[in-house]
C-alpha atoms as a PDB file:
ATOM      1  CA  MET A   1      -0.057 -60.890 -29.892  1.00  0.00           C
ATOM      2  CA  LYS A   2      -3.709 -60.535 -28.973  1.00  0.00           C
ATOM      3  CA  LYS A   3      -4.728 -62.424 -25.839  1.00  0.00           C
ATOM      4  CA  ILE A   4      -7.617 -64.863 -26.271  1.00  0.00           C
ATOM      5  CA  GLY A   5      -9.966 -66.446 -23.748  1.00  0.00           C
ATOM      6  CA  ILE A   6     -12.160 -69.406 -24.690  1.00  0.00           C
ATOM      7  CA  VAL A   7     -15.207 -70.355 -22.655  1.00  0.00           C
ATOM      8  CA  GLY A   8     -16.465 -73.862 -23.273  1.00  0.00           C
ATOM      9  CA  GLY A   9     -13.492 -75.457 -24.998  1.00  0.00           C
ATOM     10  CA  SER A  10     -14.392 -79.128 -24.583  1.00  0.00           C
ATOM     11  CA  GLY A  11     -17.006 -79.447 -27.351  1.00  0.00           C
ATOM     12  CA  PHE A  12     -16.605 -79.841 -31.096  1.00  0.00           C
ATOM     13  CA  THR A  13     -16.650 -76.114 -31.909  1.00  0.00           C
ATOM     14  CA  GLY A  14     -14.356 -75.353 -28.973  1.00  0.00           C
ATOM     15  CA  GLY A  15     -11.899 -77.992 -30.186  1.00  0.00           C
ATOM     16  CA  GLU A  16     -11.871 -76.552 -33.705  1.00  0.00           C
ATOM     17  CA  LEU A  17     -11.370 -73.054 -32.332  1.00  0.00           C
ATOM     18  CA  ILE A  18      -8.382 -74.177 -30.250  1.00  0.00           C
ATOM     19  CA  ARG A  19      -6.788 -75.849 -33.289  1.00  0.00           C
ATOM     20  CA  ILE A  20      -7.159 -72.685 -35.361  1.00  0.00           C
ATOM     21  CA  LEU A  21      -5.890 -70.286 -32.704  1.00  0.00           C
ATOM     22  CA  LEU A  22      -2.860 -72.414 -31.793  1.00  0.00           C
ATOM     23  CA  ASN A  23      -1.655 -71.908 -35.369  1.00  0.00           C
ATOM     24  CA  HIS A  24      -2.776 -68.306 -35.872  1.00  0.00           C
ATOM     25  CA  PRO A  25       0.179 -65.872 -36.083  1.00  0.00           C
ATOM     26  CA  LYS A  26      -1.620 -62.977 -34.364  1.00  0.00           C
ATOM     27  CA  PHE A  27      -3.424 -64.633 -31.440  1.00  0.00           C
ATOM     28  CA  LYS A  28      -2.333 -66.377 -28.248  1.00  0.00           C
ATOM     29  CA  ILE A  29      -4.674 -68.390 -26.020  1.00  0.00           C
ATOM     30  CA  LYS A  30      -4.518 -67.176 -22.417  1.00  0.00           C
ATOM     31  CA  PHE A  31      -7.117 -69.519 -20.915  1.00  0.00           C
ATOM     32  CA  ILE A  32      -9.636 -72.200 -21.845  1.00  0.00           C
ATOM     33  CA  TYR A  33     -12.499 -72.344 -19.384  1.00  0.00           C
ATOM     34  CA  SER A  34     -14.377 -75.549 -18.619  1.00  0.00           C
ATOM     35  CA  ILE A  35     -15.915 -76.564 -15.327  1.00  0.00           C
ATOM     36  CA  SER A  36     -16.428 -80.186 -16.384  1.00  0.00           C
ATOM     37  CA  GLN A  37     -12.837 -80.642 -17.617  1.00  0.00           C
ATOM     38  CA  ASN A  38     -11.049 -78.464 -15.053  1.00  0.00           C
ATOM     39  CA  GLY A  39      -7.449 -79.569 -14.480  1.00  0.00           C
ATOM     40  CA  LYS A  40      -7.217 -81.799 -17.531  1.00  0.00           C
ATOM     41  CA  ASN A  41      -4.721 -81.276 -20.314  1.00  0.00           C
ATOM     42  CA  ILE A  42      -6.305 -80.147 -23.577  1.00  0.00           C
ATOM     43  CA  HIS A  43      -5.118 -83.275 -25.401  1.00  0.00           C
ATOM     44  CA  GLU A  44      -7.037 -85.498 -22.957  1.00  0.00           C
ATOM     45  CA  ILE A  45     -10.254 -84.168 -24.513  1.00  0.00           C
ATOM     46  CA  HIS A  46      -8.912 -83.335 -27.987  1.00  0.00           C
ATOM     47  CA  PRO A  47      -6.360 -86.142 -28.595  1.00  0.00           C
ATOM     48  CA  ASP A  48      -5.160 -84.726 -31.924  1.00  0.00           C
ATOM     49  CA  LEU A  49      -3.609 -81.843 -29.947  1.00  0.00           C
ATOM     50  CA  LEU A  50      -1.166 -84.147 -28.142  1.00  0.00           C
ATOM     51  CA  GLY A  51       2.232 -82.440 -28.323  1.00  0.00           C
ATOM     52  CA  LYS A  52       0.714 -79.210 -29.695  1.00  0.00           C
ATOM     53  CA  THR A  53       0.045 -77.369 -26.436  1.00  0.00           C
ATOM     54  CA  ASP A  54       0.515 -77.697 -22.685  1.00  0.00           C
ATOM     55  CA  ILE A  55      -2.565 -75.592 -21.857  1.00  0.00           C
ATOM     56  CA  ILE A  56      -4.745 -76.982 -19.060  1.00  0.00           C
ATOM     57  CA  PHE A  57      -8.521 -76.564 -18.837  1.00  0.00           C
ATOM     58  CA  SER A  58      -9.369 -74.186 -15.998  1.00  0.00           C
ATOM     59  CA  ASP A  59     -12.446 -73.249 -13.993  1.00  0.00           C
ATOM     60  CA  GLN A  60     -10.999 -69.754 -13.490  1.00  0.00           C
ATOM     61  CA  ILE A  61     -11.645 -66.705 -15.676  1.00  0.00           C
ATOM     62  CA  THR A  62      -9.424 -63.701 -16.216  1.00  0.00           C
ATOM     63  CA  THR A  63     -11.050 -60.659 -17.761  1.00  0.00           C
ATOM     64  CA  ASP A  64      -7.666 -59.361 -18.922  1.00  0.00           C
ATOM     65  CA  VAL A  65      -8.056 -60.586 -22.507  1.00  0.00           C
ATOM     66  CA  ASP A  66      -8.438 -58.795 -25.820  1.00  0.00           C
ATOM     67  CA  VAL A  67     -10.935 -61.315 -27.174  1.00  0.00           C
ATOM     68  CA  LEU A  68     -13.422 -63.686 -25.560  1.00  0.00           C
ATOM     69  CA  PHE A  69     -14.912 -66.569 -27.526  1.00  0.00           C
ATOM     70  CA  MET A  70     -17.993 -68.198 -26.031  1.00  0.00           C
ATOM     71  CA  CYS A  71     -18.590 -71.791 -27.189  1.00  0.00           C
ATOM     72  CA  LEU A  72     -21.367 -72.542 -24.730  1.00  0.00           C
ATOM     73  CA  GLY A  73     -24.659 -74.320 -25.218  1.00  0.00           C
ATOM     74  CA  HIS A  74     -27.559 -72.262 -26.520  1.00  0.00           C
ATOM     75  CA  GLY A  75     -29.105 -70.167 -23.775  1.00  0.00           C
ATOM     76  CA  LYS A  76     -25.964 -70.116 -21.600  1.00  0.00           C
ATOM     77  CA  SER A  77     -23.938 -67.181 -22.941  1.00  0.00           C
ATOM     78  CA  ARG A  78     -26.059 -64.458 -21.372  1.00  0.00           C
ATOM     79  CA  ILE A  79     -25.986 -66.297 -18.033  1.00  0.00           C
ATOM     80  CA  PHE A  80     -22.186 -66.581 -18.223  1.00  0.00           C
ATOM     81  CA  LEU A  81     -21.734 -62.866 -18.926  1.00  0.00           C
ATOM     82  CA  ASP A  82     -23.879 -62.024 -15.887  1.00  0.00           C
ATOM     83  CA  ASN A  83     -21.093 -63.411 -13.683  1.00  0.00           C
ATOM     84  CA  TYR A  84     -18.137 -61.450 -15.099  1.00  0.00           C
ATOM     85  CA  ASN A  85     -17.297 -57.861 -15.984  1.00  0.00           C
ATOM     86  CA  PHE A  86     -15.322 -57.707 -19.210  1.00  0.00           C
ATOM     87  CA  LYS A  87     -13.990 -54.371 -20.400  1.00  0.00           C
ATOM     88  CA  SER A  88     -16.043 -52.513 -22.985  1.00  0.00           C
ATOM     89  CA  ASP A  89     -13.202 -52.771 -25.497  1.00  0.00           C
ATOM     90  CA  THR A  90     -12.937 -56.553 -25.116  1.00  0.00           C
ATOM     91  CA  ILE A  91     -14.157 -58.198 -28.308  1.00  0.00           C
ATOM     92  CA  ILE A  92     -16.752 -60.853 -27.501  1.00  0.00           C
ATOM     93  CA  ILE A  93     -17.653 -63.462 -30.113  1.00  0.00           C
ATOM     94  CA  ASP A  94     -20.570 -65.715 -29.239  1.00  0.00           C
ATOM     95  CA  LEU A  95     -21.008 -68.970 -31.170  1.00  0.00           C
ATOM     96  CA  SER A  96     -24.410 -69.768 -29.660  1.00  0.00           C
ATOM     97  CA  SER A  97     -27.803 -68.501 -30.797  1.00  0.00           C
ATOM     98  CA  ASP A  98     -28.260 -66.219 -27.782  1.00  0.00           C
ATOM     99  CA  PHE A  99     -27.663 -62.866 -29.522  1.00  0.00           C
ATOM    100  CA  ARG A 100     -28.340 -63.548 -33.210  1.00  0.00           C
ATOM    101  CA  LEU A 101     -31.747 -61.923 -33.461  1.00  0.00           C
ATOM    102  CA  ILE A 102     -32.211 -58.161 -33.413  1.00  0.00           C
ATOM    103  CA  ASN A 103     -34.997 -58.374 -30.822  1.00  0.00           C
ATOM    104  CA  ASN A 104     -32.624 -60.139 -28.404  1.00  0.00           C
ATOM    105  CA  ASN A 105     -29.145 -58.880 -29.305  1.00  0.00           C
ATOM    106  CA  LYS A 106     -28.623 -56.425 -26.468  1.00  0.00           C
ATOM    107  CA  TYR A 107     -26.561 -57.153 -23.382  1.00  0.00           C
ATOM    108  CA  LYS A 108     -25.930 -54.193 -21.040  1.00  0.00           C
ATOM    109  CA  SER A 109     -24.092 -51.622 -23.191  1.00  0.00           C
ATOM    110  CA  ARG A 110     -23.409 -54.121 -25.984  1.00  0.00           C
ATOM    111  CA  ASN A 111     -25.396 -54.650 -29.170  1.00  0.00           C
ATOM    112  CA  PHE A 112     -24.345 -57.949 -30.714  1.00  0.00           C
ATOM    113  CA  LEU A 113     -24.058 -57.858 -34.504  1.00  0.00           C
ATOM    114  CA  TYR A 114     -25.242 -60.795 -36.591  1.00  0.00           C
ATOM    115  CA  SER A 115     -21.978 -61.387 -38.402  1.00  0.00           C
ATOM    116  CA  LEU A 116     -22.147 -63.248 -41.686  1.00  0.00           C
ATOM    117  CA  PRO A 117     -19.106 -61.782 -43.510  1.00  0.00           C
ATOM    118  CA  GLU A 118     -20.646 -62.208 -46.955  1.00  0.00           C
ATOM    119  CA  PHE A 119     -23.581 -60.069 -45.834  1.00  0.00           C
ATOM    120  CA  ASN A 120     -22.266 -57.377 -43.500  1.00  0.00           C
ATOM    121  CA  ARG A 121     -18.471 -57.277 -43.601  1.00  0.00           C
ATOM    122  CA  GLU A 122     -18.344 -53.472 -43.306  1.00  0.00           C
ATOM    123  CA  LYS A 123     -20.399 -53.478 -40.098  1.00  0.00           C
ATOM    124  CA  ILE A 124     -18.266 -56.264 -38.652  1.00  0.00           C
ATOM    125  CA  LYS A 125     -15.193 -54.024 -39.001  1.00  0.00           C
ATOM    126  CA  GLN A 126     -16.731 -51.606 -36.492  1.00  0.00           C
ATOM    127  CA  SER A 127     -18.123 -54.117 -34.000  1.00  0.00           C
ATOM    128  CA  LYS A 128     -16.806 -55.508 -30.727  1.00  0.00           C
ATOM    129  CA  SER A 129     -19.772 -57.793 -30.041  1.00  0.00           C
ATOM    130  CA  ILE A 130     -20.249 -60.574 -32.562  1.00  0.00           C
ATOM    131  CA  ALA A 131     -23.101 -63.069 -32.868  1.00  0.00           C
ATOM    132  CA  ASN A 132     -21.724 -65.845 -35.053  1.00  0.00           C
ATOM    133  CA  PRO A 133     -24.321 -67.276 -37.487  1.00  0.00           C
ATOM    134  CA  GLY A 134     -25.670 -70.811 -37.284  1.00  0.00           C
ATOM    135  CA  CYS A 135     -24.280 -73.486 -39.586  1.00  0.00           C
ATOM    136  CA  PHE A 136     -27.464 -74.191 -41.579  1.00  0.00           C
ATOM    137  CA  ALA A 137     -28.175 -70.464 -41.727  1.00  0.00           C
ATOM    138  CA  THR A 138     -24.722 -69.798 -43.160  1.00  0.00           C
ATOM    139  CA  ALA A 139     -25.034 -72.453 -45.866  1.00  0.00           C
ATOM    140  CA  ILE A 140     -28.526 -71.369 -46.910  1.00  0.00           C
ATOM    141  CA  GLN A 141     -27.881 -67.620 -46.881  1.00  0.00           C
ATOM    142  CA  ILE A 142     -24.714 -67.927 -48.946  1.00  0.00           C
ATOM    143  CA  GLY A 143     -26.827 -69.727 -51.520  1.00  0.00           C
ATOM    144  CA  LEU A 144     -29.476 -66.986 -51.524  1.00  0.00           C
ATOM    145  CA  LEU A 145     -27.693 -63.670 -50.902  1.00  0.00           C
ATOM    146  CA  PRO A 146     -26.815 -62.701 -54.506  1.00  0.00           C
ATOM    147  CA  LEU A 147     -30.453 -63.169 -55.515  1.00  0.00           C
ATOM    148  CA  LEU A 148     -31.782 -61.372 -52.447  1.00  0.00           C
ATOM    149  CA  VAL A 149     -29.519 -58.350 -52.784  1.00  0.00           C
ATOM    150  CA  ASN A 150     -30.546 -58.011 -56.436  1.00  0.00           C
ATOM    151  CA  ASN A 151     -34.261 -58.344 -55.549  1.00  0.00           C
ATOM    152  CA  LEU A 152     -34.701 -61.403 -57.779  1.00  0.00           C
ATOM    153  CA  ILE A 153     -36.557 -63.712 -55.401  1.00  0.00           C
ATOM    154  CA  LYS A 154     -40.314 -63.342 -55.866  1.00  0.00           C
ATOM    155  CA  ASN A 155     -41.515 -66.845 -54.945  1.00  0.00           C
ATOM    156  CA  ASP A 156     -41.426 -69.338 -52.093  1.00  0.00           C
ATOM    157  CA  ILE A 157     -38.039 -70.881 -51.303  1.00  0.00           C
ATOM    158  CA  HIS A 158     -37.623 -74.626 -50.815  1.00  0.00           C
ATOM    159  CA  VAL A 159     -34.614 -76.025 -48.953  1.00  0.00           C
ATOM    160  CA  ASN A 160     -33.462 -79.541 -48.135  1.00  0.00           C
ATOM    161  CA  ALA A 161     -30.214 -79.802 -46.185  1.00  0.00           C
ATOM    162  CA  ILE A 162     -28.321 -82.617 -44.516  1.00  0.00           C
ATOM    163  CA  THR A 163     -25.785 -82.315 -41.706  1.00  0.00           C
ATOM    164  CA  GLY A 164     -23.349 -84.649 -39.998  1.00  0.00           C
ATOM    165  CA  SER A 165     -23.451 -85.884 -36.426  1.00  0.00           C
ATOM    166  CA  THR A 166     -21.151 -83.128 -35.109  1.00  0.00           C
ATOM    167  CA  GLY A 167     -23.977 -80.687 -35.790  1.00  0.00           C
ATOM    168  CA  ALA A 168     -25.715 -82.078 -32.716  1.00  0.00           C
ATOM    169  CA  GLY A 169     -22.715 -81.529 -30.432  1.00  0.00           C
ATOM    170  CA  LYS A 170     -21.114 -84.039 -28.064  1.00  0.00           C
ATOM    171  CA  ILE A 171     -24.240 -84.603 -26.000  1.00  0.00           C
ATOM    172  CA  SER A 172     -25.178 -88.262 -26.213  1.00  0.00           C
ATOM    173  CA  SER A 173     -28.608 -89.101 -27.598  1.00  0.00           C
ATOM    174  CA  ASP A 174     -30.281 -91.952 -29.458  1.00  0.00           C
ATOM    175  CA  THR A 175     -30.145 -90.063 -32.769  1.00  0.00           C
ATOM    176  CA  ASN A 176     -26.454 -89.202 -32.268  1.00  0.00           C
ATOM    177  CA  ASN A 177     -25.426 -92.756 -31.474  1.00  0.00           C
ATOM    178  CA  PHE A 178     -23.251 -94.527 -34.074  1.00  0.00           C
ATOM    179  CA  ASN A 179     -25.467 -97.608 -34.099  1.00  0.00           C
ATOM    180  CA  TRP A 180     -28.458 -95.407 -34.939  1.00  0.00           C
ATOM    181  CA  ARG A 181     -26.717 -93.058 -37.391  1.00  0.00           C
ATOM    182  CA  ASN A 182     -24.849 -95.737 -39.333  1.00  0.00           C
ATOM    183  CA  ASN A 183     -26.564 -96.552 -42.660  1.00  0.00           C
ATOM    184  CA  ASN A 184     -29.402 -94.259 -41.651  1.00  0.00           C
ATOM    185  CA  VAL A 185     -30.928 -90.901 -42.616  1.00  0.00           C
ATOM    186  CA  SER A 186     -33.768 -89.060 -40.872  1.00  0.00           C
ATOM    187  CA  ILE A 187     -35.651 -85.772 -40.881  1.00  0.00           C
ATOM    188  CA  TYR A 188     -35.821 -83.503 -37.835  1.00  0.00           C
ATOM    189  CA  LYS A 189     -37.530 -80.186 -37.090  1.00  0.00           C
ATOM    190  CA  PRO A 190     -39.133 -79.915 -40.546  1.00  0.00           C
ATOM    191  CA  PHE A 191     -40.324 -76.376 -41.379  1.00  0.00           C
ATOM    192  CA  ASN A 192     -39.494 -75.022 -37.912  1.00  0.00           C
ATOM    193  CA  HIS A 193     -35.746 -75.352 -37.427  1.00  0.00           C
ATOM    194  CA  GLN A 194     -34.392 -72.585 -35.181  1.00  0.00           C
ATOM    195  CA  HIS A 195     -31.986 -71.287 -37.855  1.00  0.00           C
ATOM    196  CA  LEU A 196     -34.954 -70.157 -39.939  1.00  0.00           C
ATOM    197  CA  ASN A 197     -35.317 -67.153 -37.639  1.00  0.00           C
ATOM    198  CA  GLU A 198     -31.866 -65.890 -38.639  1.00  0.00           C
ATOM    199  CA  ILE A 199     -32.568 -66.356 -42.327  1.00  0.00           C
ATOM    200  CA  TYR A 200     -35.938 -64.596 -42.135  1.00  0.00           C
ATOM    201  CA  GLN A 201     -34.234 -61.737 -40.321  1.00  0.00           C
ATOM    202  CA  THR A 202     -31.846 -61.279 -43.262  1.00  0.00           C
ATOM    203  CA  LEU A 203     -34.728 -61.496 -45.726  1.00  0.00           C
ATOM    204  CA  ASN A 204     -36.622 -58.835 -43.788  1.00  0.00           C
ATOM    205  CA  ILE A 205     -33.598 -56.513 -43.728  1.00  0.00           C
ATOM    206  CA  LEU A 206     -33.418 -56.852 -47.513  1.00  0.00           C
ATOM    207  CA  GLY A 207     -37.158 -56.240 -47.921  1.00  0.00           C
ATOM    208  CA  ASN A 208     -38.094 -59.772 -48.949  1.00  0.00           C
ATOM    209  CA  ASP A 209     -41.159 -61.541 -47.531  1.00  0.00           C
ATOM    210  CA  SER A 210     -40.795 -64.924 -49.248  1.00  0.00           C
ATOM    211  CA  LYS A 211     -41.774 -68.063 -47.378  1.00  0.00           C
ATOM    212  CA  ILE A 212     -39.055 -70.659 -46.739  1.00  0.00           C
ATOM    213  CA  TYR A 213     -39.917 -74.357 -46.596  1.00  0.00           C
ATOM    214  CA  PHE A 214     -36.880 -75.926 -44.910  1.00  0.00           C
ATOM    215  CA  VAL A 215     -36.489 -79.648 -44.248  1.00  0.00           C
ATOM    216  CA  PRO A 216     -33.280 -80.592 -42.353  1.00  0.00           C
ATOM    217  CA  TYR A 217     -31.848 -84.140 -42.396  1.00  0.00           C
ATOM    218  CA  ARG A 218     -29.502 -86.042 -40.094  1.00  0.00           C
ATOM    219  CA  GLY A 219     -26.772 -87.733 -42.108  1.00  0.00           C
ATOM    220  CA  ASN A 220     -24.717 -90.832 -41.396  1.00  0.00           C
ATOM    221  CA  PHE A 221     -21.413 -88.950 -41.578  1.00  0.00           C
ATOM    222  CA  THR A 222     -19.425 -86.854 -39.112  1.00  0.00           C
ATOM    223  CA  ARG A 223     -19.147 -83.321 -40.438  1.00  0.00           C
ATOM    224  CA  GLY A 224     -20.387 -81.102 -43.229  1.00  0.00           C
ATOM    225  CA  ILE A 225     -23.605 -79.549 -44.552  1.00  0.00           C
ATOM    226  CA  PHE A 226     -25.036 -80.073 -48.026  1.00  0.00           C
ATOM    227  CA  THR A 227     -27.937 -77.808 -48.973  1.00  0.00           C
ATOM    228  CA  SER A 228     -30.292 -78.076 -51.929  1.00  0.00           C
ATOM    229  CA  ILE A 229     -32.278 -74.886 -52.604  1.00  0.00           C
ATOM    230  CA  TYR A 230     -34.811 -74.336 -55.354  1.00  0.00           C
ATOM    231  CA  MET A 231     -37.492 -71.857 -56.379  1.00  0.00           C
ATOM    232  CA  LYS A 232     -39.131 -70.422 -59.470  1.00  0.00           C
ATOM    233  CA  LEU A 233     -36.861 -67.918 -61.173  1.00  0.00           C
ATOM    234  CA  ASP A 234     -37.309 -66.998 -64.816  1.00  0.00           C
ATOM    235  CA  HIS A 235     -33.833 -65.693 -65.707  1.00  0.00           C
ATOM    236  CA  ASP A 236     -30.986 -66.730 -67.965  1.00  0.00           C
ATOM    237  CA  ILE A 237     -28.414 -68.887 -66.174  1.00  0.00           C
ATOM    238  CA  ASN A 238     -25.511 -66.924 -67.646  1.00  0.00           C
ATOM    239  CA  ASP A 239     -26.863 -63.702 -66.157  1.00  0.00           C
ATOM    240  CA  ILE A 240     -27.320 -65.368 -62.764  1.00  0.00           C
ATOM    241  CA  GLU A 241     -23.803 -66.815 -62.816  1.00  0.00           C
ATOM    242  CA  ILE A 242     -22.419 -63.335 -63.481  1.00  0.00           C
ATOM    243  CA  ILE A 243     -24.405 -61.998 -60.523  1.00  0.00           C
ATOM    244  CA  TYR A 244     -23.016 -64.710 -58.216  1.00  0.00           C
ATOM    245  CA  LYS A 245     -19.426 -64.307 -59.402  1.00  0.00           C
ATOM    246  CA  ASP A 246     -19.611 -60.549 -58.993  1.00  0.00           C
ATOM    247  CA  PHE A 247     -21.187 -60.798 -55.545  1.00  0.00           C
ATOM    248  CA  TYR A 248     -18.545 -63.198 -54.189  1.00  0.00           C
ATOM    249  CA  LYS A 249     -15.487 -61.995 -56.097  1.00  0.00           C
ATOM    250  CA  ASN A 250     -14.026 -60.261 -53.017  1.00  0.00           C
ATOM    251  CA  HIS A 251     -14.978 -62.938 -50.499  1.00  0.00           C
ATOM    252  CA  PRO A 252     -12.040 -65.323 -50.014  1.00  0.00           C
ATOM    253  CA  PHE A 253     -13.965 -68.403 -48.878  1.00  0.00           C
ATOM    254  CA  THR A 254     -16.977 -68.593 -51.207  1.00  0.00           C
ATOM    255  CA  PHE A 255     -16.584 -70.041 -54.685  1.00  0.00           C
ATOM    256  CA  LEU A 256     -18.946 -70.684 -57.580  1.00  0.00           C
ATOM    257  CA  SER A 257     -18.308 -74.079 -59.175  1.00  0.00           C
ATOM    258  CA  LYS A 258     -19.004 -75.184 -62.742  1.00  0.00           C
ATOM    259  CA  ASN A 259     -18.934 -78.802 -61.590  1.00  0.00           C
ATOM    260  CA  ASP A 260     -21.270 -80.697 -59.287  1.00  0.00           C
ATOM    261  CA  ILE A 261     -20.134 -80.147 -55.711  1.00  0.00           C
ATOM    262  CA  ASN A 262     -19.762 -82.536 -52.785  1.00  0.00           C
ATOM    263  CA  LEU A 263     -18.945 -82.415 -49.094  1.00  0.00           C
ATOM    264  CA  LYS A 264     -15.432 -83.849 -49.259  1.00  0.00           C
ATOM    265  CA  GLU A 265     -14.087 -80.879 -51.190  1.00  0.00           C
ATOM    266  CA  VAL A 266     -14.834 -78.490 -48.303  1.00  0.00           C
ATOM    267  CA  ILE A 267     -14.407 -80.672 -45.197  1.00  0.00           C
ATOM    268  CA  ASN A 268     -11.624 -79.370 -42.913  1.00  0.00           C
ATOM    269  CA  THR A 269     -11.663 -76.002 -44.725  1.00  0.00           C
ATOM    270  CA  ASN A 270     -13.356 -72.647 -44.161  1.00  0.00           C
ATOM    271  CA  ASN A 271     -14.707 -72.699 -47.722  1.00  0.00           C
ATOM    272  CA  CYS A 272     -18.243 -72.717 -49.058  1.00  0.00           C
ATOM    273  CA  HIS A 273     -18.781 -73.994 -52.605  1.00  0.00           C
ATOM    274  CA  VAL A 274     -21.848 -73.013 -54.621  1.00  0.00           C
ATOM    275  CA  LYS A 275     -23.328 -74.635 -57.727  1.00  0.00           C
ATOM    276  CA  ILE A 276     -26.191 -73.177 -59.821  1.00  0.00           C
ATOM    277  CA  GLN A 277     -28.401 -75.053 -62.290  1.00  0.00           C
ATOM    278  CA  PHE A 278     -31.700 -74.331 -64.041  1.00  0.00           C
ATOM    279  CA  TYR A 279     -34.550 -76.661 -64.896  1.00  0.00           C
ATOM    280  CA  GLU A 280     -37.081 -74.851 -67.047  1.00  0.00           C
ATOM    281  CA  SER A 281     -38.114 -71.857 -64.872  1.00  0.00           C
ATOM    282  CA  VAL A 282     -36.726 -73.312 -61.624  1.00  0.00           C
ATOM    283  CA  ILE A 283     -33.288 -72.428 -60.248  1.00  0.00           C
ATOM    284  CA  HIS A 284     -31.486 -75.094 -58.219  1.00  0.00           C
ATOM    285  CA  ILE A 285     -28.690 -73.939 -55.910  1.00  0.00           C
ATOM    286  CA  THR A 286     -26.466 -76.309 -53.954  1.00  0.00           C
ATOM    287  CA  THR A 287     -23.992 -75.237 -51.288  1.00  0.00           C
ATOM    288  CA  VAL A 288     -21.523 -77.230 -49.204  1.00  0.00           C
ATOM    289  CA  LEU A 289     -19.467 -76.275 -46.158  1.00  0.00           C
ATOM    290  CA  ASP A 290     -17.884 -77.707 -43.032  1.00  0.00           C
ATOM    291  CA  ASN A 291     -20.337 -77.091 -40.179  1.00  0.00           C
ATOM    292  CA  LEU A 292     -17.543 -76.834 -37.588  1.00  0.00           C
ATOM    293  CA  LEU A 293     -15.410 -74.381 -39.582  1.00  0.00           C
ATOM    294  CA  LYS A 294     -17.253 -72.095 -42.013  1.00  0.00           C
ATOM    295  CA  GLY A 295     -20.393 -72.995 -40.066  1.00  0.00           C
ATOM    296  CA  ALA A 296     -18.889 -72.178 -36.669  1.00  0.00           C
ATOM    297  CA  SER A 297     -15.292 -71.718 -35.447  1.00  0.00           C
ATOM    298  CA  GLY A 298     -13.637 -70.866 -38.762  1.00  0.00           C
ATOM    299  CA  GLN A 299     -16.203 -68.167 -39.429  1.00  0.00           C
ATOM    300  CA  ALA A 300     -15.716 -66.837 -35.892  1.00  0.00           C
ATOM    301  CA  VAL A 301     -11.980 -66.353 -36.511  1.00  0.00           C
ATOM    302  CA  GLN A 302     -12.768 -64.934 -39.962  1.00  0.00           C
ATOM    303  CA  ASN A 303     -14.918 -62.308 -38.217  1.00  0.00           C
ATOM    304  CA  LEU A 304     -12.107 -61.535 -35.774  1.00  0.00           C
ATOM    305  CA  ASN A 305      -9.620 -61.094 -38.628  1.00  0.00           C
ATOM    306  CA  ILE A 306     -12.035 -58.591 -40.190  1.00  0.00           C
ATOM    307  CA  ILE A 307     -12.360 -56.627 -36.936  1.00  0.00           C
ATOM    308  CA  TYR A 308      -8.581 -56.306 -36.541  1.00  0.00           C
ATOM    309  CA  GLY A 309      -8.054 -55.463 -40.204  1.00  0.00           C
ATOM    310  CA  TYR A 310      -5.964 -58.557 -40.855  1.00  0.00           C
ATOM    311  CA  GLU A 311      -6.146 -60.457 -44.105  1.00  0.00           C
ATOM    312  CA  GLU A 312      -9.506 -62.198 -43.862  1.00  0.00           C
ATOM    313  CA  SER A 313      -8.051 -65.636 -44.543  1.00  0.00           C
ATOM    314  CA  LEU A 314      -5.157 -65.304 -42.059  1.00  0.00           C
ATOM    315  CA  GLY A 315      -4.763 -68.575 -40.173  1.00  0.00           C
ATOM    316  CA  LEU A 316      -7.647 -70.148 -42.113  1.00  0.00           C
ATOM    317  CA  ASN A 317      -6.026 -71.452 -45.301  1.00  0.00           C
ATOM    318  CA  PHE A 318      -6.634 -75.134 -44.627  1.00  0.00           C
ATOM    319  CA  LYS A 319      -6.499 -77.647 -47.429  1.00  0.00           C
ATOM    320  CA  GLY A 320      -9.200 -80.273 -47.641  1.00  0.00           C
ATOM    321  CA  SER A 321      -8.998 -83.626 -49.369  1.00  0.00           C
ATOM    322  CA  ILE A 322     -11.491 -85.281 -51.708  1.00  0.00           C
ATOM    323  CA  TYR A 323     -10.180 -88.731 -50.836  1.00  0.00           C
END
C-alpha cells in the first residue's frame, strides 16, 4: 500500500481527507502532522472517527512517504516545504492556493500542475506535483469548460454562487458564527474573489478573453456550492446538451441533469451536477458540488488515483442523500 503523509489534518479539508484515505484500498496513512493538536487522538478533533483509527496527531515529519498532502492555510505550503527535503519522486498534492497559478507554480525542481481532472487529466497522469483547484473555481469551470473548449463563449460571463460555512475554514469570525449565519445571507469579495485568477488562467490557456463578473455569497448552511452562470449564447439547447454530454461522458463524477438541481443531491459525494437552460438568447448553467469533497479533498484523491493509474473513482463512491 502507498504510504501517505498529511500536513494540517485538523481542519475541515484535512478531516475529509482522513476519512477518505482510511477507507481507500490502496493507501495507508503514515502520519498526520499538526503542531496545534500534537499528541491528541484523531477522534478528539474529528469525533465521527471515534473507533475508526488509533492514529495520533504528531508534530514530527517523516519524509519516507510516497505521497504528501498539504492541507495548510493559504500562503503556508511553500514555507512548510522550505523546512523539509522530500524525495523528487514523492507525490506532493497541495490543497492551498500557493501553486495554482503558472507564474507562481515553481518550487525548486518542481513545477506544480493545476489539476482539474475534467480539464487536464492526461497531464495529471504524468505529474508528481499537484496544485488542487479551489472550490468555487472547480464549480464554475465545470459549468464553462464544454463551451470554452468548443470556442462558443463570445460574451461576458456572469456568475452568482453561494457557499456554506465550511468554505471559510474552522477559523472563528463574526461572519462564520452560527448566530450571524443563521437565517442570513451576505455577499463577500464581489468581482474580485481570489478564485477568479484560476478561472482566468484556464480561459487564457484556451484562448478566451471574456470578462467574468463573479458575485460570491455566504449561505446559512454548512457545506456545498451552488453556482448560477449565464451569458449570451445564440445556439440550440439540444446542440449544447450534446456538447456537454460528449465532453463529460468519460468523467465519472460530472453529470448533466434534465431536472433542476440542488445541493442535497451532491453533499457528501465527489459529484458535480450540471443543469442547462435557455432563455431567449441567454444560456443559464447551474452547477452543484460539495466544497469539501469535489471542491477539495475528494478531488485531491481523484487526482492521486489518476496519477497511479487506478480507477478514477476508487475510494470515492460515496452516496449522498436528498433528505
